[in-house]
Amino acid sequence: MLDKVKFALRIQNTMFDGEVQDIIDACLLDLELSGVNTTSKTEDDKLITRSIVLYAKSEFGLANTDSEKYKLSYEALKRHLTLSEEYTK
């Protein structure tokens, strides 16, 4: 997952790996706290992956002028997942 998120963030080095991994972990915890079952999903799950990418794009970078846009997209997708029987516990 780290490589997918780094690619989406246009990061080509390992300097920010710790920070990006923390963002991935925080997103998964946020989804779990909202009732989304992420533990049974694989890295190939497109909706979970998209959620993580949107979350990361909203959280990464100090001069991120699009962070609010990505945050709103993440929240909308999270709501969709919480309403789905396939993704809830």
Protein backbone atom coordinates (compact mmCIF):
# COMPACT_ATOMS: atom_id res chain seq x y z
CA MET A 1 0.00 0.00 0.00
CA LEU A 2 2.88 2.35 0.77
CA ASP A 3 4.09 2.26 -2.85
CA LYS A 4 0.60 2.95 -4.20
CA VAL A 5 0.13 5.95 -1.94
CA LYS A 6 3.62 7.30 -2.66
CA PHE A 7 2.87 7.03 -6.37
CA ALA A 8 -0.40 8.94 -5.91
CA LEU A 9 1.44 11.62 -3.93
CA ARG A 10 4.17 11.79 -6.61
CA ILE A 11 6.88 10.80 -4.13
CA GLN A 12 9.87 9.03 -5.67
CA ASN A 13 12.17 8.70 -2.67
CA THR A 14 12.05 7.09 0.77
CA MET A 15 12.49 10.29 2.78
CA PHE A 16 8.80 10.49 3.76
CA ASP A 17 8.03 6.76 4.08
CA GLY A 18 7.44 6.98 7.84
CA GLU A 19 5.06 9.91 7.53
CA VAL A 20 3.17 8.34 4.62
CA GLN A 21 2.85 5.03 6.50
CA ASP A 22 1.50 6.91 9.53
CA ILE A 23 -1.11 8.54 7.27
CA ILE A 24 -2.10 5.14 5.85
CA ASP A 25 -2.43 3.70 9.36
CA ALA A 26 -4.47 6.70 10.54
CA CYS A 27 -6.83 6.33 7.60
CA LEU A 28 -7.39 2.65 8.30
CA LEU A 29 -8.08 3.43 11.95
CA ASP A 30 -10.51 6.21 10.97
CA LEU A 31 -12.36 3.81 8.67
CA GLU A 32 -12.46 1.15 11.40
CA LEU A 33 -13.78 3.65 13.96
CA SER A 34 -16.53 4.53 11.48
CA GLY A 35 -17.56 0.89 11.25
CA VAL A 36 -15.82 -0.04 8.00
CA ASN A 37 -14.24 -3.48 8.10
CA THR A 38 -10.78 -3.02 6.60
CA THR A 39 -9.15 -6.09 8.13
CA SER A 40 -10.77 -8.57 5.76
CA LYS A 41 -10.07 -6.42 2.71
CA THR A 42 -6.96 -6.97 0.65
CA GLU A 43 -4.68 -4.34 -0.78
CA ASP A 44 -6.43 -4.97 -4.10
CA ASP A 45 -9.74 -3.57 -2.84
CA LYS A 46 -10.26 -0.53 -5.04
CA LEU A 47 -12.57 1.38 -2.67
CA ILE A 48 -10.35 0.95 0.39
CA THR A 49 -7.29 1.88 -1.67
CA ARG A 50 -9.06 4.95 -3.05
CA SER A 51 -10.08 5.94 0.47
CA ILE A 52 -6.49 5.75 1.64
CA VAL A 53 -5.23 7.75 -1.34
CA LEU A 54 -7.84 10.48 -0.83
CA TYR A 55 -7.04 10.64 2.88
CA ALA A 56 -3.31 10.84 2.16
CA LYS A 57 -3.80 13.57 -0.43
CA SER A 58 -5.79 15.56 2.09
CA GLU A 59 -3.22 15.14 4.88
CA PHE A 60 0.18 15.23 3.18
CA GLY A 61 2.10 18.41 2.46
CA LEU A 62 2.17 21.80 4.10
CA ALA A 63 1.28 23.84 1.00
CA ASN A 64 -1.50 21.57 -0.21
CA THR A 65 -4.09 23.93 -1.68
CA ASP A 66 -6.38 21.01 -2.63
CA SER A 67 -6.46 19.35 0.79
CA GLU A 68 -10.04 20.42 1.53
CA LYS A 69 -11.25 19.01 -1.79
CA TYR A 70 -9.60 15.65 -1.08
CA LYS A 71 -10.92 15.64 2.50
CA LEU A 72 -14.49 16.12 1.26
CA SER A 73 -14.04 13.32 -1.28
CA TYR A 74 -12.65 11.02 1.42
CA GLU A 75 -15.54 11.78 3.77
CA ALA A 76 -18.09 11.09 1.00
CA LEU A 77 -16.48 7.75 0.15
CA LYS A 78 -16.26 6.84 3.85
CA ARG A 79 -19.99 7.52 4.24
CA HIS A 80 -20.68 5.31 1.24
CA LEU A 81 -18.61 2.49 2.74
CA THR A 82 -20.31 2.78 6.14
CA LEU A 83 -23.70 2.34 4.46
CA SER A 84 -22.64 -0.78 2.59
CA GLU A 85 -23.29 -4.19 4.14
CA GLU A 86 -20.30 -5.52 2.24
CA TYR A 87 -17.92 -3.17 4.07
CA THR A 88 -19.40 -3.03 7.55
CA LYS A 89 -18.94 -5.47 10.40
